[in-house]
């Protein structure tokens, strides 16, 4: 059963060749969302890197941004952007996790820990 949504910072470690993180994530059978896919592409420094990123990410089920996800992200931004500095990408990731009952897997727990009802976990590696 799919329960995890790895944040972009987790994939950054995978793209840098961290075998422990790669194995940890592979054992979870996670999904990704459109925002994470786009952020990973955006972080690529060349077309060759983009091809590598796409090849890795294509191995994960991809959840699209739905109207419900968009609405939830809008509400999260309204509630948390001024008080906690919530940014658009993190709001979309959190909204995807909330809409699909997923746990966000992240090294940046401060980006998510204040969101009510959101499940998050720092990788234990």
PDB file of N, CA and C in Angstrom:
ATOM      1  N   UNK A   1       0.839  -1.187   0.000  1.00  0.00           N
ATOM      2  CA  UNK A   1       0.000   0.000   0.000  1.00  0.00           C
ATOM      3  C   UNK A   1       0.883   1.250   0.000  1.00  0.00           C
ATOM      4  N   UNK A   2       0.562   2.204  -0.847  1.00  0.00           N
ATOM      5  CA  UNK A   2       1.347   3.427  -0.967  1.00  0.00           C
ATOM      6  C   UNK A   2       0.951   4.390   0.152  1.00  0.00           C
ATOM      7  N   UNK A   3       1.957   4.841   0.887  1.00  0.00           N
ATOM      8  CA  UNK A   3       1.695   5.730   2.015  1.00  0.00           C
ATOM      9  C   UNK A   3       2.589   6.956   2.045  1.00  0.00           C
ATOM     10  N   UNK A   4       3.597   7.031   1.193  1.00  0.00           N
ATOM     11  CA  UNK A   4       4.602   8.091   1.313  1.00  0.00           C
ATOM     12  C   UNK A   4       4.713   8.948   0.060  1.00  0.00           C
ATOM     13  N   UNK A   5       4.990  10.228   0.307  1.00  0.00           N
ATOM     14  CA  UNK A   5       5.228  11.221  -0.732  1.00  0.00           C
ATOM     15  C   UNK A   5       6.573  11.884  -0.415  1.00  0.00           C
ATOM     16  N   UNK A   6       7.669  11.406  -1.019  1.00  0.00           N
ATOM     17  CA  UNK A   6       8.975  12.006  -0.733  1.00  0.00           C
ATOM     18  C   UNK A   6       9.060  13.434  -1.275  1.00  0.00           C
ATOM     19  N   UNK A   7       9.562  14.321  -0.456  1.00  0.00           N
ATOM     20  CA  UNK A   7       9.751  15.720  -0.829  1.00  0.00           C
ATOM     21  C   UNK A   7      10.930  15.820  -1.807  1.00  0.00           C
ATOM     22  N   UNK A   8      11.027  16.934  -2.466  1.00  0.00           N
ATOM     23  CA  UNK A   8      12.085  17.175  -3.438  1.00  0.00           C
ATOM     24  C   UNK A   8      13.470  17.024  -2.818  1.00  0.00           C
ATOM     25  N   UNK A   9      13.632  17.434  -1.556  1.00  0.00           N
ATOM     26  CA  UNK A   9      14.953  17.337  -0.925  1.00  0.00           C
ATOM     27  C   UNK A   9      15.401  15.890  -0.750  1.00  0.00           C
ATOM     28  N   UNK A  10      14.472  14.963  -0.652  1.00  0.00           N
ATOM     29  CA  UNK A  10      14.819  13.538  -0.587  1.00  0.00           C
ATOM     30  C   UNK A  10      15.363  13.091  -1.948  1.00  0.00           C
ATOM     31  N   UNK A  11      14.701  13.524  -3.015  1.00  0.00           N
ATOM     32  CA  UNK A  11      15.182  13.173  -4.352  1.00  0.00           C
ATOM     33  C   UNK A  11      16.523  13.824  -4.654  1.00  0.00           C
ATOM     34  N   UNK A  12      16.788  14.976  -4.086  1.00  0.00           N
ATOM     35  CA  UNK A  12      18.095  15.614  -4.279  1.00  0.00           C
ATOM     36  C   UNK A  12      19.211  14.694  -3.819  1.00  0.00           C
ATOM     37  N   UNK A  13      19.005  14.020  -2.694  1.00  0.00           N
ATOM     38  CA  UNK A  13      20.012  13.082  -2.189  1.00  0.00           C
ATOM     39  C   UNK A  13      20.132  11.869  -3.117  1.00  0.00           C
ATOM     40  N   UNK A  14      19.010  11.432  -3.650  1.00  0.00           N
ATOM     41  CA  UNK A  14      19.041  10.305  -4.588  1.00  0.00           C
ATOM     42  C   UNK A  14      19.821  10.684  -5.841  1.00  0.00           C
ATOM     43  N   UNK A  15      19.559  11.876  -6.381  1.00  0.00           N
ATOM     44  CA  UNK A  15      20.251  12.319  -7.589  1.00  0.00           C
ATOM     45  C   UNK A  15      21.739  12.534  -7.352  1.00  0.00           C
ATOM     46  N   UNK A  16      22.128  12.788  -6.093  1.00  0.00           N
ATOM     47  CA  UNK A  16      23.552  12.949  -5.763  1.00  0.00           C
ATOM     48  C   UNK A  16      24.224  11.611  -5.495  1.00  0.00           C
ATOM     49  N   UNK A  17      23.462  10.510  -5.632  1.00  0.00           N
ATOM     50  CA  UNK A  17      24.047   9.188  -5.521  1.00  0.00           C
ATOM     51  C   UNK A  17      24.035   8.585  -4.132  1.00  0.00           C
ATOM     52  N   UNK A  18      23.227   9.115  -3.224  1.00  0.00           N
ATOM     53  CA  UNK A  18      23.144   8.562  -1.870  1.00  0.00           C
ATOM     54  C   UNK A  18      22.404   7.224  -1.922  1.00  0.00           C
ATOM     55  N   UNK A  19      23.160   6.136  -1.867  1.00  0.00           N
ATOM     56  CA  UNK A  19      22.583   4.802  -2.019  1.00  0.00           C
ATOM     57  C   UNK A  19      21.681   4.419  -0.847  1.00  0.00           C
ATOM     58  N   UNK A  20      21.994   4.891   0.355  1.00  0.00           N
ATOM     59  CA  UNK A  20      21.168   4.579   1.523  1.00  0.00           C
ATOM     60  C   UNK A  20      19.777   5.197   1.377  1.00  0.00           C
ATOM     61  N   UNK A  21      19.723   6.437   0.933  1.00  0.00           N
ATOM     62  CA  UNK A  21      18.431   7.111   0.737  1.00  0.00           C
ATOM     63  C   UNK A  21      17.679   6.462  -0.420  1.00  0.00           C
ATOM     64  N   UNK A  22      18.391   6.137  -1.483  1.00  0.00           N
ATOM     65  CA  UNK A  22      17.758   5.481  -2.631  1.00  0.00           C
ATOM     66  C   UNK A  22      17.098   4.175  -2.208  1.00  0.00           C
ATOM     67  N   UNK A  23      17.799   3.366  -1.440  1.00  0.00           N
ATOM     68  CA  UNK A  23      17.256   2.088  -0.989  1.00  0.00           C
ATOM     69  C   UNK A  23      16.097   2.297  -0.019  1.00  0.00           C
ATOM     70  N   UNK A  24      16.247   3.254   0.867  1.00  0.00           N
ATOM     71  CA  UNK A  24      15.196   3.558   1.845  1.00  0.00           C
ATOM     72  C   UNK A  24      13.899   3.916   1.130  1.00  0.00           C
ATOM     73  N   UNK A  25      13.983   4.807   0.157  1.00  0.00           N
ATOM     74  CA  UNK A  25      12.798   5.234  -0.591  1.00  0.00           C
ATOM     75  C   UNK A  25      12.234   4.078  -1.411  1.00  0.00           C
ATOM     76  N   UNK A  26      13.088   3.308  -2.037  1.00  0.00           N
ATOM     77  CA  UNK A  26      12.625   2.180  -2.855  1.00  0.00           C
ATOM     78  C   UNK A  26      11.822   1.181  -2.025  1.00  0.00           C
ATOM     79  N   UNK A  27      12.213   1.000  -0.780  1.00  0.00           N
ATOM     80  CA  UNK A  27      11.507   0.061   0.098  1.00  0.00           C
ATOM     81  C   UNK A  27      10.133   0.557   0.522  1.00  0.00           C
ATOM     82  N   UNK A  28       9.879   1.839   0.363  1.00  0.00           N
ATOM     83  CA  UNK A  28       8.588   2.420   0.769  1.00  0.00           C
ATOM     84  C   UNK A  28       7.531   2.316  -0.317  1.00  0.00           C
ATOM     85  N   UNK A  29       7.933   2.127  -1.555  1.00  0.00           N
ATOM     86  CA  UNK A  29       7.017   2.143  -2.699  1.00  0.00           C
ATOM     87  C   UNK A  29       6.182   3.435  -2.713  1.00  0.00           C
ATOM     88  N   UNK A  30       6.838   4.586  -2.762  1.00  0.00           N
ATOM     89  CA  UNK A  30       6.128   5.860  -2.683  1.00  0.00           C
ATOM     90  C   UNK A  30       5.550   6.315  -4.021  1.00  0.00           C
ATOM     91  N   UNK A  31       4.825   7.415  -3.957  1.00  0.00           N
ATOM     92  CA  UNK A  31       4.349   8.119  -5.147  1.00  0.00           C
ATOM     93  C   UNK A  31       4.989   9.506  -5.150  1.00  0.00           C
ATOM     94  N   UNK A  32       4.909  10.163  -6.292  1.00  0.00           N
ATOM     95  CA  UNK A  32       5.317  11.562  -6.370  1.00  0.00           C
ATOM     96  C   UNK A  32       4.137  12.353  -6.909  1.00  0.00           C
ATOM     97  N   UNK A  33       4.226  13.649  -6.786  1.00  0.00           N
ATOM     98  CA  UNK A  33       3.185  14.486  -7.373  1.00  0.00           C
ATOM     99  C   UNK A  33       3.815  15.395  -8.431  1.00  0.00           C
ATOM    100  N   UNK A  34       2.969  16.083  -9.146  1.00  0.00           N
ATOM    101  CA  UNK A  34       3.432  16.944 -10.232  1.00  0.00           C
ATOM    102  C   UNK A  34       4.392  18.014  -9.732  1.00  0.00           C
ATOM    103  N   UNK A  35       4.136  18.558  -8.557  1.00  0.00           N
ATOM    104  CA  UNK A  35       4.992  19.616  -8.020  1.00  0.00           C
ATOM    105  C   UNK A  35       6.413  19.097  -7.787  1.00  0.00           C
ATOM    106  N   UNK A  36       6.532  17.929  -7.198  1.00  0.00           N
ATOM    107  CA  UNK A  36       7.854  17.345  -6.946  1.00  0.00           C
ATOM    108  C   UNK A  36       8.557  17.066  -8.270  1.00  0.00           C
ATOM    109  N   UNK A  37       7.831  16.527  -9.234  1.00  0.00           N
ATOM    110  CA  UNK A  37       8.410  16.257 -10.549  1.00  0.00           C
ATOM    111  C   UNK A  37       8.960  17.546 -11.155  1.00  0.00           C
ATOM    112  N   UNK A  38       8.156  18.593 -11.120  1.00  0.00           N
ATOM    113  CA  UNK A  38       8.577  19.877 -11.709  1.00  0.00           C
ATOM    114  C   UNK A  38       9.756  20.473 -10.954  1.00  0.00           C
ATOM    115  N   UNK A  39       9.718  20.423  -9.611  1.00  0.00           N
ATOM    116  CA  UNK A  39      10.844  20.967  -8.833  1.00  0.00           C
ATOM    117  C   UNK A  39      12.146  20.226  -9.146  1.00  0.00           C
ATOM    118  N   UNK A  40      12.070  18.916  -9.300  1.00  0.00           N
ATOM    119  CA  UNK A  40      13.266  18.146  -9.636  1.00  0.00           C
ATOM    120  C   UNK A  40      13.794  18.527 -11.017  1.00  0.00           C
ATOM    121  N   UNK A  41      12.905  18.695 -11.980  1.00  0.00           N
ATOM    122  CA  UNK A  41      13.334  19.142 -13.314  1.00  0.00           C
ATOM    123  C   UNK A  41      13.955  20.531 -13.259  1.00  0.00           C
ATOM    124  N   UNK A  42      13.330  21.396 -12.497  1.00  0.00           N
ATOM    125  CA  UNK A  42      13.811  22.779 -12.381  1.00  0.00           C
ATOM    126  C   UNK A  42      15.219  22.826 -11.798  1.00  0.00           C
ATOM    127  N   UNK A  43      15.542  21.883 -10.934  1.00  0.00           N
ATOM    128  CA  UNK A  43      16.863  21.845 -10.323  1.00  0.00           C
ATOM    129  C   UNK A  43      17.946  21.276 -11.219  1.00  0.00           C
ATOM    130  N   UNK A  44      17.569  20.763 -12.367  1.00  0.00           N
ATOM    131  CA  UNK A  44      18.543  20.199 -13.305  1.00  0.00           C
ATOM    132  C   UNK A  44      19.380  21.311 -13.921  1.00  0.00           C
ATOM    133  N   UNK A  45      20.653  21.015 -14.097  1.00  0.00           N
ATOM    134  CA  UNK A  45      21.563  22.029 -14.631  1.00  0.00           C
ATOM    135  C   UNK A  45      21.820  21.891 -16.130  1.00  0.00           C
ATOM    136  N   UNK A  46      21.317  20.793 -16.717  1.00  0.00           N
ATOM    137  CA  UNK A  46      21.510  20.586 -18.153  1.00  0.00           C
ATOM    138  C   UNK A  46      20.406  19.672 -18.670  1.00  0.00           C
ATOM    139  N   UNK A  47      20.310  19.583 -19.975  1.00  0.00           N
ATOM    140  CA  UNK A  47      19.336  18.675 -20.575  1.00  0.00           C
ATOM    141  C   UNK A  47      19.674  17.220 -20.261  1.00  0.00           C
ATOM    142  N   UNK A  48      20.966  16.928 -20.151  1.00  0.00           N
ATOM    143  CA  UNK A  48      21.372  15.575 -19.785  1.00  0.00           C
ATOM    144  C   UNK A  48      20.890  15.254 -18.364  1.00  0.00           C
ATOM    145  N   UNK A  49      21.050  16.186 -17.440  1.00  0.00           N
ATOM    146  CA  UNK A  49      20.544  15.974 -16.076  1.00  0.00           C
ATOM    147  C   UNK A  49      19.034  15.798 -16.076  1.00  0.00           C
ATOM    148  N   UNK A  50      18.335  16.576 -16.893  1.00  0.00           N
ATOM    149  CA  UNK A  50      16.878  16.431 -16.983  1.00  0.00           C
ATOM    150  C   UNK A  50      16.489  15.034 -17.437  1.00  0.00           C
ATOM    151  N   UNK A  51      17.219  14.492 -18.405  1.00  0.00           N
ATOM    152  CA  UNK A  51      16.926  13.128 -18.860  1.00  0.00           C
ATOM    153  C   UNK A  51      17.120  12.123 -17.727  1.00  0.00           C
ATOM    154  N   UNK A  52      18.160  12.293 -16.930  1.00  0.00           N
ATOM    155  CA  UNK A  52      18.416  11.400 -15.798  1.00  0.00           C
ATOM    156  C   UNK A  52      17.306  11.534 -14.757  1.00  0.00           C
ATOM    157  N   UNK A  53      16.932  12.771 -14.448  1.00  0.00           N
ATOM    158  CA  UNK A  53      15.864  13.020 -13.471  1.00  0.00           C
ATOM    159  C   UNK A  53      14.565  12.364 -13.929  1.00  0.00           C
ATOM    160  N   UNK A  54      14.217  12.571 -15.187  1.00  0.00           N
ATOM    161  CA  UNK A  54      12.975  11.979 -15.709  1.00  0.00           C
ATOM    162  C   UNK A  54      13.024  10.453 -15.672  1.00  0.00           C
ATOM    163  N   UNK A  55      14.179   9.890 -15.973  1.00  0.00           N
ATOM    164  CA  UNK A  55      14.317   8.432 -15.960  1.00  0.00           C
ATOM    165  C   UNK A  55      14.083   7.882 -14.545  1.00  0.00           C
ATOM    166  N   UNK A  56      14.604   8.569 -13.538  1.00  0.00           N
ATOM    167  CA  UNK A  56      14.393   8.140 -12.150  1.00  0.00           C
ATOM    168  C   UNK A  56      12.931   8.336 -11.752  1.00  0.00           C
ATOM    169  N   UNK A  57      12.395   9.520 -12.010  1.00  0.00           N
ATOM    170  CA  UNK A  57      11.038   9.840 -11.556  1.00  0.00           C
ATOM    171  C   UNK A  57       9.966   9.035 -12.285  1.00  0.00           C
ATOM    172  N   UNK A  58      10.247   8.613 -13.491  1.00  0.00           N
ATOM    173  CA  UNK A  58       9.280   7.802 -14.240  1.00  0.00           C
ATOM    174  C   UNK A  58       9.026   6.441 -13.592  1.00  0.00           C
ATOM    175  N   UNK A  59       9.852   6.068 -12.629  1.00  0.00           N
ATOM    176  CA  UNK A  59       9.662   4.807 -11.909  1.00  0.00           C
ATOM    177  C   UNK A  59       8.626   4.911 -10.791  1.00  0.00           C
ATOM    178  N   UNK A  60       8.115   6.108 -10.538  1.00  0.00           N
ATOM    179  CA  UNK A  60       7.165   6.322  -9.452  1.00  0.00           C
ATOM    180  C   UNK A  60       5.797   6.690 -10.006  1.00  0.00           C
ATOM    181  N   UNK A  61       4.732   6.178  -9.395  1.00  0.00           N
ATOM    182  CA  UNK A  61       3.395   6.639  -9.794  1.00  0.00           C
ATOM    183  C   UNK A  61       3.313   8.150  -9.581  1.00  0.00           C
ATOM    184  N   UNK A  62       2.669   8.833 -10.517  1.00  0.00           N
ATOM    185  CA  UNK A  62       2.574  10.291 -10.487  1.00  0.00           C
ATOM    186  C   UNK A  62       1.140  10.727 -10.200  1.00  0.00           C
ATOM    187  N   UNK A  63       0.977  11.505  -9.137  1.00  0.00           N
ATOM    188  CA  UNK A  63      -0.335  12.062  -8.808  1.00  0.00           C
ATOM    189  C   UNK A  63      -0.439  13.458  -9.400  1.00  0.00           C
ATOM    190  N   UNK A  64      -1.472  13.732 -10.194  1.00  0.00           N
ATOM    191  CA  UNK A  64      -1.632  15.058 -10.790  1.00  0.00           C
ATOM    192  C   UNK A  64      -2.185  16.055  -9.774  1.00  0.00           C
ATOM    193  N   UNK A  65      -2.065  17.308 -10.112  1.00  0.00           N
ATOM    194  CA  UNK A  65      -2.705  18.354  -9.317  1.00  0.00           C
ATOM    195  C   UNK A  65      -4.172  18.387  -9.742  1.00  0.00           C
ATOM    196  N   UNK A  66      -5.034  18.061  -8.826  1.00  0.00           N
ATOM    197  CA  UNK A  66      -6.470  18.029  -9.115  1.00  0.00           C
ATOM    198  C   UNK A  66      -7.117  19.322  -8.641  1.00  0.00           C
ATOM    199  N   UNK A  67      -8.343  19.584  -9.052  1.00  0.00           N
ATOM    200  CA  UNK A  67      -9.039  20.766  -8.529  1.00  0.00           C
ATOM    201  C   UNK A  67      -9.130  20.756  -7.002  1.00  0.00           C
ATOM    202  N   UNK A  68      -9.355  19.589  -6.408  1.00  0.00           N
ATOM    203  CA  UNK A  68      -9.429  19.502  -4.933  1.00  0.00           C
ATOM    204  C   UNK A  68      -8.082  19.825  -4.298  1.00  0.00           C
ATOM    205  N   UNK A  69      -7.009  19.328  -4.922  1.00  0.00           N
ATOM    206  CA  UNK A  69      -5.671  19.628  -4.417  1.00  0.00           C
ATOM    207  C   UNK A  69      -5.391  21.122  -4.519  1.00  0.00           C
ATOM    208  N   UNK A  70      -5.749  21.714  -5.629  1.00  0.00           N
ATOM    209  CA  UNK A  70      -5.545  23.157  -5.816  1.00  0.00           C
ATOM    210  C   UNK A  70      -6.301  23.967  -4.772  1.00  0.00           C
ATOM    211  N   UNK A  71      -7.526  23.589  -4.518  1.00  0.00           N
ATOM    212  CA  UNK A  71      -8.334  24.303  -3.533  1.00  0.00           C
ATOM    213  C   UNK A  71      -7.745  24.146  -2.136  1.00  0.00           C
ATOM    214  N   UNK A  72      -7.306  22.946  -1.815  1.00  0.00           N
ATOM    215  CA  UNK A  72      -6.710  22.736  -0.494  1.00  0.00           C
ATOM    216  C   UNK A  72      -5.413  23.531  -0.366  1.00  0.00           C
ATOM    217  N   UNK A  73      -4.607  23.563  -1.410  1.00  0.00           N
ATOM    218  CA  UNK A  73      -3.364  24.350  -1.392  1.00  0.00           C
ATOM    219  C   UNK A  73      -3.674  25.827  -1.204  1.00  0.00           C
ATOM    220  N   UNK A  74      -4.706  26.312  -1.871  1.00  0.00           N
ATOM    221  CA  UNK A  74      -5.103  27.715  -1.712  1.00  0.00           C
ATOM    222  C   UNK A  74      -5.447  28.007  -0.255  1.00  0.00           C
ATOM    223  N   UNK A  75      -6.184  27.104   0.370  1.00  0.00           N
ATOM    224  CA  UNK A  75      -6.566  27.291   1.776  1.00  0.00           C
ATOM    225  C   UNK A  75      -5.347  27.239   2.694  1.00  0.00           C
ATOM    226  N   UNK A  76      -4.408  26.358   2.381  1.00  0.00           N
ATOM    227  CA  UNK A  76      -3.194  26.276   3.187  1.00  0.00           C
ATOM    228  C   UNK A  76      -2.374  27.564   3.081  1.00  0.00           C
ATOM    229  N   UNK A  77      -2.254  28.095   1.870  1.00  0.00           N
ATOM    230  CA  UNK A  77      -1.538  29.362   1.675  1.00  0.00           C
ATOM    231  C   UNK A  77      -2.231  30.476   2.451  1.00  0.00           C
ATOM    232  N   UNK A  78      -3.550  30.518   2.368  1.00  0.00           N
ATOM    233  CA  UNK A  78      -4.307  31.544   3.083  1.00  0.00           C
ATOM    234  C   UNK A  78      -4.059  31.457   4.587  1.00  0.00           C
ATOM    235  N   UNK A  79      -4.013  30.250   5.101  1.00  0.00           N
ATOM    236  CA  UNK A  79      -3.872  30.046   6.548  1.00  0.00           C
ATOM    237  C   UNK A  79      -2.434  30.199   7.041  1.00  0.00           C
ATOM    238  N   UNK A  80      -1.451  29.730   6.263  1.00  0.00           N
ATOM    239  CA  UNK A  80      -0.094  29.609   6.791  1.00  0.00           C
ATOM    240  C   UNK A  80       0.990  30.462   6.123  1.00  0.00           C
ATOM    241  N   UNK A  81       0.703  31.140   5.027  1.00  0.00           N
ATOM    242  CA  UNK A  81       1.790  31.846   4.347  1.00  0.00           C
ATOM    243  C   UNK A  81       2.328  33.014   5.176  1.00  0.00           C
ATOM    244  N   UNK A  82       1.469  33.748   5.812  1.00  0.00           N
ATOM    245  CA  UNK A  82       1.933  34.884   6.617  1.00  0.00           C
ATOM    246  C   UNK A  82       2.492  34.451   7.966  1.00  0.00           C
ATOM    247  N   UNK A  83       1.851  33.467   8.588  1.00  0.00           N
ATOM    248  CA  UNK A  83       2.265  33.060   9.935  1.00  0.00           C
ATOM    249  C   UNK A  83       3.474  32.133   9.948  1.00  0.00           C
ATOM    250  N   UNK A  84       3.628  31.297   8.920  1.00  0.00           N
ATOM    251  CA  UNK A  84       4.705  30.311   8.909  1.00  0.00           C
ATOM    252  C   UNK A  84       5.557  30.336   7.639  1.00  0.00           C
ATOM    253  N   UNK A  85       5.268  31.244   6.728  1.00  0.00           N
ATOM    254  CA  UNK A  85       6.066  31.350   5.511  1.00  0.00           C
ATOM    255  C   UNK A  85       5.855  30.227   4.520  1.00  0.00           C
ATOM    256  N   UNK A  86       4.679  29.604   4.552  1.00  0.00           N
ATOM    257  CA  UNK A  86       4.403  28.508   3.624  1.00  0.00           C
ATOM    258  C   UNK A  86       4.478  29.006   2.181  1.00  0.00           C
ATOM    259  N   UNK A  87       5.239  28.285   1.364  1.00  0.00           N
ATOM    260  CA  UNK A  87       5.407  28.631  -0.047  1.00  0.00           C
ATOM    261  C   UNK A  87       4.527  27.747  -0.926  1.00  0.00           C
ATOM    262  N   UNK A  88       4.308  28.190  -2.144  1.00  0.00           N
ATOM    263  CA  UNK A  88       3.397  27.514  -3.061  1.00  0.00           C
ATOM    264  C   UNK A  88       3.731  26.035  -3.252  1.00  0.00           C
ATOM    265  N   UNK A  89       4.978  25.721  -3.577  1.00  0.00           N
ATOM    266  CA  UNK A  89       5.328  24.325  -3.843  1.00  0.00           C
ATOM    267  C   UNK A  89       5.048  23.447  -2.620  1.00  0.00           C
ATOM    268  N   UNK A  90       5.410  23.908  -1.441  1.00  0.00           N
ATOM    269  CA  UNK A  90       5.173  23.121  -0.232  1.00  0.00           C
ATOM    270  C   UNK A  90       3.683  22.997   0.063  1.00  0.00           C
ATOM    271  N   UNK A  91       2.916  24.031  -0.247  1.00  0.00           N
ATOM    272  CA  UNK A  91       1.461  23.965  -0.060  1.00  0.00           C
ATOM    273  C   UNK A  91       0.856  22.918  -0.999  1.00  0.00           C
ATOM    274  N   UNK A  92       1.326  22.865  -2.233  1.00  0.00           N
ATOM    275  CA  UNK A  92       0.825  21.864  -3.180  1.00  0.00           C
ATOM    276  C   UNK A  92       1.216  20.446  -2.764  1.00  0.00           C
ATOM    277  N   UNK A  93       2.431  20.275  -2.285  1.00  0.00           N
ATOM    278  CA  UNK A  93       2.872  18.964  -1.811  1.00  0.00           C
ATOM    279  C   UNK A  93       2.041  18.544  -0.602  1.00  0.00           C
ATOM    280  N   UNK A  94       1.866  19.457   0.341  1.00  0.00           N
ATOM    281  CA  UNK A  94       1.056  19.149   1.531  1.00  0.00           C
ATOM    282  C   UNK A  94      -0.381  18.839   1.147  1.00  0.00           C
ATOM    283  N   UNK A  95      -0.941  19.604   0.233  1.00  0.00           N
ATOM    284  CA  UNK A  95      -2.319  19.375  -0.198  1.00  0.00           C
ATOM    285  C   UNK A  95      -2.463  18.004  -0.852  1.00  0.00           C
ATOM    286  N   UNK A  96      -1.492  17.617  -1.671  1.00  0.00           N
ATOM    287  CA  UNK A  96      -1.513  16.290  -2.287  1.00  0.00           C
ATOM    288  C   UNK A  96      -1.482  15.207  -1.213  1.00  0.00           C
ATOM    289  N   UNK A  97      -0.623  15.378  -0.230  1.00  0.00           N
ATOM    290  CA  UNK A  97      -0.529  14.395   0.854  1.00  0.00           C
ATOM    291  C   UNK A  97      -1.838  14.318   1.637  1.00  0.00           C
ATOM    292  N   UNK A  98      -2.418  15.454   1.956  1.00  0.00           N
ATOM    293  CA  UNK A  98      -3.672  15.462   2.704  1.00  0.00           C
ATOM    294  C   UNK A  98      -4.811  14.837   1.905  1.00  0.00           C
ATOM    295  N   UNK A  99      -4.889  15.153   0.623  1.00  0.00           N
ATOM    296  CA  UNK A  99      -5.968  14.633  -0.214  1.00  0.00           C
ATOM    297  C   UNK A  99      -5.860  13.125  -0.443  1.00  0.00           C
ATOM    298  N   UNK A 100      -4.649  12.590  -0.361  1.00  0.00           N
ATOM    299  CA  UNK A 100      -4.435  11.178  -0.658  1.00  0.00           C
ATOM    300  C   UNK A 100      -4.006  10.359   0.562  1.00  0.00           C
ATOM    301  N   UNK A 101      -4.117  10.962   1.739  1.00  0.00           N
ATOM    302  CA  UNK A 101      -3.752  10.311   3.004  1.00  0.00           C
ATOM    303  C   UNK A 101      -2.339   9.737   2.951  1.00  0.00           C
ATOM    304  N   UNK A 102      -1.389  10.589   2.562  1.00  0.00           N
ATOM    305  CA  UNK A 102       0.014  10.215   2.463  1.00  0.00           C
ATOM    306  C   UNK A 102       0.835  10.911   3.537  1.00  0.00           C
ATOM    307  N   UNK A 103       1.976  10.342   3.850  1.00  0.00           N
ATOM    308  CA  UNK A 103       2.941  10.950   4.759  1.00  0.00           C
ATOM    309  C   UNK A 103       4.026  11.598   3.914  1.00  0.00           C
ATOM    310  N   UNK A 104       4.291  12.879   4.146  1.00  0.00           N
ATOM    311  CA  UNK A 104       5.364  13.571   3.443  1.00  0.00           C
ATOM    312  C   UNK A 104       6.689  13.127   4.063  1.00  0.00           C
ATOM    313  N   UNK A 105       7.573  12.626   3.230  1.00  0.00           N
ATOM    314  CA  UNK A 105       8.898  12.220   3.660  1.00  0.00           C
ATOM    315  C   UNK A 105       9.845  13.365   3.319  1.00  0.00           C
ATOM    316  N   UNK A 106      10.420  14.019   4.338  1.00  0.00           N
ATOM    317  CA  UNK A 106      11.201  15.233   4.093  1.00  0.00           C
ATOM    318  C   UNK A 106      12.317  15.413   5.103  1.00  0.00           C
ATOM    319  N   UNK A 107      13.387  16.043   4.651  1.00  0.00           N
ATOM    320  CA  UNK A 107      14.446  16.464   5.556  1.00  0.00           C
ATOM    321  C   UNK A 107      14.152  17.861   6.105  1.00  0.00           C
ATOM    322  N   UNK A 108      13.247  18.578   5.475  1.00  0.00           N
ATOM    323  CA  UNK A 108      12.879  19.935   5.895  1.00  0.00           C
ATOM    324  C   UNK A 108      11.548  19.906   6.637  1.00  0.00           C
ATOM    325  N   UNK A 109      11.536  19.302   7.808  1.00  0.00           N
ATOM    326  CA  UNK A 109      10.279  19.161   8.546  1.00  0.00           C
ATOM    327  C   UNK A 109       9.674  20.512   8.901  1.00  0.00           C
ATOM    328  N   UNK A 110      10.503  21.535   9.042  1.00  0.00           N
ATOM    329  CA  UNK A 110      10.005  22.871   9.360  1.00  0.00           C
ATOM    330  C   UNK A 110       9.089  23.444   8.290  1.00  0.00           C
ATOM    331  N   UNK A 111       9.186  22.920   7.079  1.00  0.00           N
ATOM    332  CA  UNK A 111       8.324  23.382   5.995  1.00  0.00           C
ATOM    333  C   UNK A 111       6.899  22.856   6.129  1.00  0.00           C
ATOM    334  N   UNK A 112       6.710  21.814   6.973  1.00  0.00           N
ATOM    335  CA  UNK A 112       5.420  21.131   7.018  1.00  0.00           C
ATOM    336  C   UNK A 112       4.845  20.917   8.419  1.00  0.00           C
ATOM    337  N   UNK A 113       5.657  20.961   9.453  1.00  0.00           N
ATOM    338  CA  UNK A 113       5.227  20.499  10.779  1.00  0.00           C
ATOM    339  C   UNK A 113       4.072  21.298  11.373  1.00  0.00           C
ATOM    340  N   UNK A 114       3.821  22.481  10.919  1.00  0.00           N
ATOM    341  CA  UNK A 114       2.763  23.327  11.462  1.00  0.00           C
ATOM    342  C   UNK A 114       1.401  23.104  10.790  1.00  0.00           C
ATOM    343  N   UNK A 115       1.356  22.297   9.744  1.00  0.00           N
ATOM    344  CA  UNK A 115       0.113  22.096   8.997  1.00  0.00           C
ATOM    345  C   UNK A 115      -0.751  21.054   9.708  1.00  0.00           C
ATOM    346  N   UNK A 116      -1.922  21.494  10.120  1.00  0.00           N
ATOM    347  CA  UNK A 116      -2.840  20.619  10.854  1.00  0.00           C
ATOM    348  C   UNK A 116      -3.192  19.382  10.036  1.00  0.00           C
ATOM    349  N   UNK A 117      -3.175  18.248  10.682  1.00  0.00           N
ATOM    350  CA  UNK A 117      -3.572  16.952  10.120  1.00  0.00           C
ATOM    351  C   UNK A 117      -2.600  16.379   9.093  1.00  0.00           C
ATOM    352  N   UNK A 118      -1.532  17.094   8.770  1.00  0.00           N
ATOM    353  CA  UNK A 118      -0.569  16.569   7.806  1.00  0.00           C
ATOM    354  C   UNK A 118       0.373  15.604   8.513  1.00  0.00           C
ATOM    355  N   UNK A 119       0.564  14.441   7.907  1.00  0.00           N
ATOM    356  CA  UNK A 119       1.530  13.480   8.421  1.00  0.00           C
ATOM    357  C   UNK A 119       2.854  13.720   7.702  1.00  0.00           C
ATOM    358  N   UNK A 120       3.925  13.818   8.467  1.00  0.00           N
ATOM    359  CA  UNK A 120       5.253  14.002   7.892  1.00  0.00           C
ATOM    360  C   UNK A 120       6.241  13.143   8.679  1.00  0.00           C
ATOM    361  N   UNK A 121       7.341  12.841   8.021  1.00  0.00           N
ATOM    362  CA  UNK A 121       8.370  12.008   8.648  1.00  0.00           C
ATOM    363  C   UNK A 121       9.724  12.373   8.053  1.00  0.00           C
ATOM    364  N   UNK A 122      10.718  12.458   8.897  1.00  0.00           N
ATOM    365  CA  UNK A 122      12.085  12.640   8.428  1.00  0.00           C
ATOM    366  C   UNK A 122      12.664  11.253   8.170  1.00  0.00           C
ATOM    367  N   UNK A 123      13.321  11.044   7.032  1.00  0.00           N
ATOM    368  CA  UNK A 123      13.904   9.726   6.767  1.00  0.00           C
ATOM    369  C   UNK A 123      14.864   9.315   7.886  1.00  0.00           C
ATOM    370  N   UNK A 124      14.774   8.078   8.283  1.00  0.00           N
ATOM    371  CA  UNK A 124      15.601   7.567   9.373  1.00  0.00           C
ATOM    372  C   UNK A 124      16.770   6.779   8.810  1.00  0.00           C
ATOM    373  N   UNK A 125      17.739   7.520   8.297  1.00  0.00           N
ATOM    374  CA  UNK A 125      18.918   6.889   7.689  1.00  0.00           C
ATOM    375  C   UNK A 125      20.149   7.406   8.377  1.00  0.00           C
TER     376      UNK A 125
END
